[in-house]
Amino acid sequence: MIQRTFSFVRGIGPARQRELWRLGIRTWADFPANGVVLSAALDARIREALPPMRSLVETRRYVELWARLPARERWRLIPALEGQAAYLDIETAPDGRVTVIGVYDSARGVRLYVRGHNLGRFLSDLLPETVVTFNGLSFDVPVLRRTFPGWRPPPIHLDLCPITHQLDERGGLKAIEKRWGLGRPEHLEGVSGVDALGLWTAFALRRDSGALRRLLEYNLYDVVQLRSLAQMACARLAERTGATWRPQVAFLRGDVLLDMTRAVDDVVSRASSIVPDQIHDEERVPLRL
């Protein structure tokens, strides 16, 4: 998928990209070694840029590829990074402090970090070099950086919010996944971020383990839906460019449903020992949104 764009070359924007496609030059391999295609100057830039880009692809140096691609084209890395990414979502309390961090990656599975239980462990559990979120550039990552001043996000951040905007999709994660046919269990249908605030409050004030369970399930469904959403967005964007992409192994929520249940059960079984208002040593500064 990466080799179907020339947008990393100065002077090649969407219009020039489409012109190349109309000329039958849809991949790097299609670009002729000589002759004039667009103009002598632009052609020279393309021919100069292709060898180092091929080398980055062959050696899987995705961080450098990420830096060279314009933001609107970074979705093209999804096929290469799909099995190596961490999918992440956070919840906060009414005062803005992080209450739950949910993470899923194919290597380590599902993980939950909960305030007053093991939230500080998030810092020592290293993430892969790629993180996938929905609206994480505006919310999750800034909140985590202010909550944990020593934390630095992975170098590659695929935020699916602007990626789905390229498909003219608007609204939050739940609205988009519903339109795309990604359902949720009945007891989580309609639960929103505002509800998540109330669920944490119910647990913090009344020690309501049922509220804690529902909050953790809500968080993990956000997390694992991200992987399906990323695959679907990539396929739809590829189709818009005249290409076809289907994941070699389509991800289904059911693949990790048992792991999700076990992760939630493990935390809820320790609910009586969780201290909801505990401030971890890692939280050096108060968070105010």
Protein backbone atom coordinates (compact mmCIF):
# COMPACT_ATOMS: atom_id res chain seq x y z
CA MET A 1 0.00 0.00 0.00
CA ILE A 2 2.89 2.39 0.75
CA GLN A 3 4.28 1.88 -2.74
CA ARG A 4 1.09 3.24 -4.31
CA THR A 5 1.79 6.86 -3.34
CA PHE A 6 4.29 9.46 -4.56
CA SER A 7 3.09 12.13 -2.14
CA PHE A 8 6.37 12.12 -0.19
CA VAL A 9 7.99 13.93 -3.14
CA ARG A 10 7.99 17.74 -2.98
CA GLY A 11 5.53 19.04 -5.55
CA ILE A 12 3.35 15.91 -5.64
CA GLY A 13 0.01 16.74 -4.09
CA PRO A 14 -3.39 15.06 -4.55
CA ALA A 15 -3.88 16.47 -8.07
CA ARG A 16 -0.46 15.34 -9.30
CA GLN A 17 -0.99 11.98 -7.62
CA ARG A 18 -4.24 11.48 -9.55
CA GLU A 19 -2.50 12.55 -12.77
CA LEU A 20 0.10 9.82 -12.29
CA TRP A 21 -2.65 7.26 -11.72
CA ARG A 22 -4.45 8.40 -14.89
CA LEU A 23 -1.19 7.83 -16.77
CA GLY A 24 -1.12 4.27 -15.50
CA ILE A 25 1.64 4.89 -12.95
CA ARG A 26 0.00 3.47 -9.83
CA THR A 27 3.06 2.08 -8.01
CA TRP A 28 6.72 2.91 -7.67
CA ALA A 29 7.57 0.07 -10.04
CA ASP A 30 5.48 1.73 -12.76
CA PHE A 31 7.55 4.93 -12.83
CA PRO A 32 9.85 4.85 -15.88
CA ALA A 33 13.60 5.11 -15.46
CA ASN A 34 13.83 7.79 -18.15
CA GLY A 35 11.71 10.07 -20.27
CA VAL A 36 9.37 12.88 -19.22
CA VAL A 37 6.20 11.99 -17.31
CA LEU A 38 5.13 15.14 -15.43
CA SER A 39 8.03 17.52 -15.99
CA ALA A 40 11.79 17.21 -16.07
CA ALA A 41 12.14 18.72 -12.58
CA LEU A 42 9.38 16.70 -10.92
CA ASP A 43 10.46 13.48 -12.59
CA ALA A 44 14.02 14.00 -11.33
CA ARG A 45 12.76 14.47 -7.78
CA ILE A 46 10.70 11.29 -7.97
CA ARG A 47 13.58 9.23 -9.36
CA GLU A 48 15.86 10.57 -6.63
CA ALA A 49 13.35 9.87 -3.84
CA LEU A 50 12.37 6.31 -4.78
CA PRO A 51 15.57 4.36 -3.91
CA PRO A 52 15.76 5.53 -0.26
CA MET A 53 12.02 4.92 0.18
CA ARG A 54 12.38 1.39 -1.21
CA SER A 55 15.23 0.80 1.23
CA LEU A 56 13.09 1.95 4.17
CA VAL A 57 10.30 -0.43 3.14
CA GLU A 58 12.64 -3.37 2.65
CA THR A 59 14.29 -2.83 6.04
CA ARG A 60 10.95 -2.11 7.76
CA ARG A 61 12.08 1.25 9.10
CA TYR A 62 8.54 2.39 9.66
CA VAL A 63 9.33 5.34 11.93
CA GLU A 64 11.32 6.97 9.12
CA LEU A 65 8.61 6.13 6.59
CA TRP A 66 6.05 7.69 8.93
CA ALA A 67 8.08 10.89 9.11
CA ARG A 68 8.38 11.14 5.33
CA LEU A 69 4.72 10.57 4.49
CA PRO A 70 2.31 13.52 4.67
CA ALA A 71 -0.36 13.13 7.36
CA ARG A 72 -3.14 12.44 4.83
CA GLU A 73 -1.22 9.41 3.50
CA ARG A 74 -0.14 7.75 6.73
CA TRP A 75 -3.12 5.39 6.69
CA ARG A 76 -1.11 3.48 4.09
CA LEU A 77 1.08 2.11 6.86
CA ILE A 78 -1.85 0.26 8.48
CA PRO A 79 -1.24 -3.02 6.59
CA ALA A 80 2.44 -3.04 7.57
CA LEU A 81 1.83 -2.08 11.20
CA GLU A 82 -1.46 -3.86 11.86
CA GLY A 83 0.02 -6.76 13.81
CA GLN A 84 2.63 -4.64 15.60
CA ALA A 85 0.50 -1.83 17.02
CA ALA A 86 -0.91 -1.17 20.48
CA TYR A 87 -4.56 -0.09 20.52
CA LEU A 88 -5.18 2.29 23.41
CA ASP A 89 -8.04 4.12 25.10
CA ILE A 90 -8.33 5.92 28.44
CA GLU A 91 -11.09 6.94 30.83
CA THR A 92 -11.01 9.84 33.26
CA ALA A 93 -12.73 10.92 36.46
CA PRO A 94 -14.84 14.09 36.69
CA ASP A 95 -11.75 15.90 38.02
CA GLY A 96 -9.84 14.94 34.87
CA ARG A 97 -7.57 12.32 36.40
CA VAL A 98 -6.98 9.08 34.52
CA THR A 99 -9.03 6.21 35.96
CA VAL A 100 -8.57 3.42 33.41
CA ILE A 101 -6.11 2.72 30.61
CA GLY A 102 -6.98 -0.13 28.27
CA VAL A 103 -4.38 -1.55 25.87
CA TYR A 104 -4.43 -4.37 23.36
CA ASP A 105 -1.67 -5.66 21.11
CA SER A 106 -1.33 -8.99 19.40
CA ALA A 107 1.91 -9.86 21.20
CA ARG A 108 0.77 -9.29 24.79
CA GLY A 109 -3.00 -9.34 24.50
CA VAL A 110 -5.41 -7.29 26.61
CA ARG A 111 -4.21 -5.19 29.55
CA LEU A 112 -6.02 -2.94 32.03
CA TYR A 113 -4.45 -0.29 34.25
CA VAL A 114 -6.78 1.03 36.93
CA ARG A 115 -6.40 3.95 39.31
CA GLY A 116 -5.76 2.85 42.87
CA HIS A 117 -4.79 -0.63 41.67
CA ASN A 118 -1.98 -0.76 39.08
CA LEU A 119 -2.16 2.50 37.13
CA GLY A 120 1.52 3.29 37.68
CA ARG A 121 2.52 0.02 36.00
CA PHE A 122 1.56 1.58 32.67
CA LEU A 123 4.89 3.43 32.71
CA SER A 124 7.00 0.29 32.98
CA ASP A 125 5.01 -1.78 30.45
CA LEU A 126 6.58 -0.67 27.20
CA LEU A 127 4.35 -0.16 24.19
CA PRO A 128 5.34 -1.09 20.62
CA GLU A 129 6.59 1.72 18.39
CA THR A 130 3.05 2.22 17.04
CA VAL A 131 -0.06 3.24 18.98
CA VAL A 132 -3.58 3.43 17.54
CA THR A 133 -6.28 5.61 19.11
CA PHE A 134 -9.45 7.46 18.23
CA ASN A 135 -9.01 11.18 18.88
CA GLY A 136 -5.88 10.34 20.86
CA LEU A 137 -3.88 13.24 19.45
CA SER A 138 -6.35 15.66 21.04
CA PHE A 139 -7.27 13.73 24.18
CA ASP A 140 -5.63 10.47 25.25
CA VAL A 141 -1.98 11.33 24.60
CA PRO A 142 -2.02 14.89 26.04
CA VAL A 143 -3.84 13.60 29.15
CA LEU A 144 -1.34 10.76 29.62
CA ARG A 145 1.62 13.10 29.19
CA ARG A 146 0.29 15.47 31.82
CA THR A 147 -0.65 12.64 34.15
CA PHE A 148 2.72 10.90 33.73
CA PRO A 149 5.29 13.62 32.94
CA GLY A 150 8.00 10.98 32.38
CA TRP A 151 6.00 9.14 29.74
CA ARG A 152 6.68 9.57 26.05
CA PRO A 153 4.28 8.23 23.44
CA PRO A 154 5.44 5.80 20.74
CA PRO A 155 6.94 7.52 17.68
CA ILE A 156 4.10 6.39 15.37
CA HIS A 157 0.58 7.43 16.31
CA LEU A 158 -2.30 6.39 14.07
CA ASP A 159 -5.24 8.49 15.18
CA LEU A 160 -8.31 7.03 13.48
CA CYS A 161 -10.37 10.20 13.98
CA PRO A 162 -8.69 12.23 11.18
CA ILE A 163 -8.32 9.05 9.12
CA THR A 164 -12.09 8.44 9.18
CA HIS A 165 -12.62 12.15 8.42
CA GLN A 166 -10.91 11.43 5.08
CA LEU A 167 -13.86 9.11 4.43
CA ASP A 168 -16.27 11.96 5.26
CA GLU A 169 -17.24 10.22 8.50
CA ARG A 170 -18.14 12.45 11.42
CA GLY A 171 -19.05 11.80 15.02
CA GLY A 172 -17.40 9.76 17.73
CA LEU A 173 -16.07 6.23 17.73
CA LYS A 174 -19.39 4.67 18.73
CA ALA A 175 -21.36 6.46 16.00
CA ILE A 176 -18.92 5.43 13.27
CA GLU A 177 -18.61 1.82 14.37
CA LYS A 178 -22.40 1.51 14.44
CA ARG A 179 -22.66 2.84 10.88
CA TRP A 180 -19.97 0.38 9.84
CA GLY A 181 -21.73 -2.58 11.39
CA LEU A 182 -19.52 -3.04 14.46
CA GLY A 183 -21.98 -3.80 17.22
CA ARG A 184 -21.66 -3.94 21.00
CA PRO A 185 -23.35 -6.09 23.65
CA GLU A 186 -26.79 -4.87 24.63
CA HIS A 187 -25.69 -3.76 28.12
CA LEU A 188 -23.06 -1.46 26.55
CA GLU A 189 -25.23 0.00 23.79
CA GLY A 190 -25.60 3.73 24.29
CA VAL A 191 -22.94 3.97 27.01
CA SER A 192 -20.91 7.14 26.40
CA GLY A 193 -17.88 8.91 27.80
CA VAL A 194 -20.19 10.91 30.06
CA ASP A 195 -21.62 7.65 31.41
CA ALA A 196 -18.06 6.42 32.02
CA LEU A 197 -17.52 9.37 34.36
CA GLY A 198 -20.60 8.36 36.33
CA LEU A 199 -19.56 4.71 36.48
CA TRP A 200 -16.22 5.62 38.05
CA THR A 201 -17.95 7.93 40.52
CA ALA A 202 -20.35 5.12 41.47
CA PHE A 203 -17.41 2.85 42.17
CA ALA A 204 -15.38 5.50 43.99
CA LEU A 205 -18.23 6.62 46.27
CA ARG A 206 -20.25 3.43 46.77
CA ARG A 207 -17.70 0.74 45.94
CA ASP A 208 -20.12 -0.50 43.29
CA SER A 209 -18.25 -3.39 41.67
CA GLY A 210 -20.97 -3.68 39.01
CA ALA A 211 -20.25 -0.11 37.91
CA LEU A 212 -16.53 -0.89 37.83
CA ARG A 213 -17.14 -3.98 35.68
CA ARG A 214 -19.28 -2.03 33.21
CA LEU A 215 -16.67 0.74 32.99
CA LEU A 216 -13.86 -1.73 32.28
CA GLU A 217 -15.93 -3.55 29.66
CA TYR A 218 -16.83 -0.25 28.02
CA ASN A 219 -13.16 0.72 27.88
CA LEU A 220 -11.99 -2.58 26.43
CA TYR A 221 -14.68 -2.57 23.76
CA ASP A 222 -13.39 0.86 22.71
CA VAL A 223 -9.89 -0.58 22.57
CA VAL A 224 -10.54 -3.71 20.50
CA GLN A 225 -12.97 -1.99 18.13
CA LEU A 226 -10.06 0.22 17.10
CA ARG A 227 -8.33 -2.67 15.37
CA SER A 228 -11.40 -3.55 13.31
CA LEU A 229 -12.00 0.12 12.53
CA ALA A 230 -8.40 0.57 11.34
CA GLN A 231 -8.71 -2.38 8.96
CA MET A 232 -12.02 -1.17 7.58
CA ALA A 233 -10.80 2.42 7.15
CA CYS A 234 -7.71 1.25 5.28
CA ALA A 235 -9.79 -0.94 2.95
CA ARG A 236 -12.20 1.92 2.20
CA LEU A 237 -9.44 4.47 1.60
CA ALA A 238 -7.61 2.01 -0.66
CA GLU A 239 -10.80 1.54 -2.67
CA ARG A 240 -11.05 5.30 -3.14
CA THR A 241 -7.61 5.29 -4.77
CA GLY A 242 -8.57 2.46 -7.13
CA ALA A 243 -6.72 -0.21 -5.15
CA THR A 244 -7.98 -3.26 -3.29
CA TRP A 245 -6.76 -4.22 0.16
CA ARG A 246 -8.09 -6.86 2.47
CA PRO A 247 -6.26 -7.93 5.61
CA GLN A 248 -4.64 -11.35 5.38
CA VAL A 249 -6.35 -12.26 8.64
CA ALA A 250 -9.40 -10.14 9.42
CA PHE A 251 -9.59 -9.21 13.10
CA LEU A 252 -12.79 -10.10 14.94
CA ARG A 253 -13.66 -8.97 18.44
CA GLY A 254 -14.49 -12.56 19.30
CA ASP A 255 -10.82 -13.45 18.86
CA VAL A 256 -10.03 -11.71 22.15
CA LEU A 257 -13.40 -11.86 23.93
CA LEU A 258 -12.19 -14.46 26.43
CA ASP A 259 -9.07 -12.43 27.21
CA MET A 260 -11.22 -9.32 27.72
CA THR A 261 -13.45 -11.19 30.16
CA ARG A 262 -10.48 -12.52 32.10
CA ALA A 263 -8.86 -9.08 32.33
CA VAL A 264 -12.07 -7.52 33.65
CA ASP A 265 -12.70 -10.38 36.09
CA ASP A 266 -9.18 -10.07 37.47
CA VAL A 267 -9.60 -6.38 38.32
CA VAL A 268 -13.16 -6.72 39.65
CA SER A 269 -12.07 -9.59 41.91
CA ARG A 270 -9.70 -7.13 43.58
CA ALA A 271 -12.24 -4.30 43.80
CA SER A 272 -12.23 -4.26 47.60
CA SER A 273 -8.50 -3.48 47.65
CA ILE A 274 -8.63 -0.68 45.04
CA VAL A 275 -8.19 2.82 46.47
CA PRO A 276 -10.04 5.06 43.96
CA ASP A 277 -8.60 8.38 45.17
CA GLN A 278 -5.02 7.15 45.42
CA ILE A 279 -2.46 9.43 43.77
CA HIS A 280 0.43 7.49 42.31
CA ASP A 281 4.00 8.65 42.69
CA GLU A 282 4.20 9.00 38.93
CA GLU A 283 1.59 11.77 38.98
CA ARG A 284 3.91 14.65 39.71
CA VAL A 285 1.55 17.44 38.71
CA PRO A 286 -2.22 17.85 39.06
CA LEU A 287 -4.15 17.43 35.83
CA ARG A 288 -6.60 20.12 34.89
CA LEU A 289 -8.36 19.96 31.53
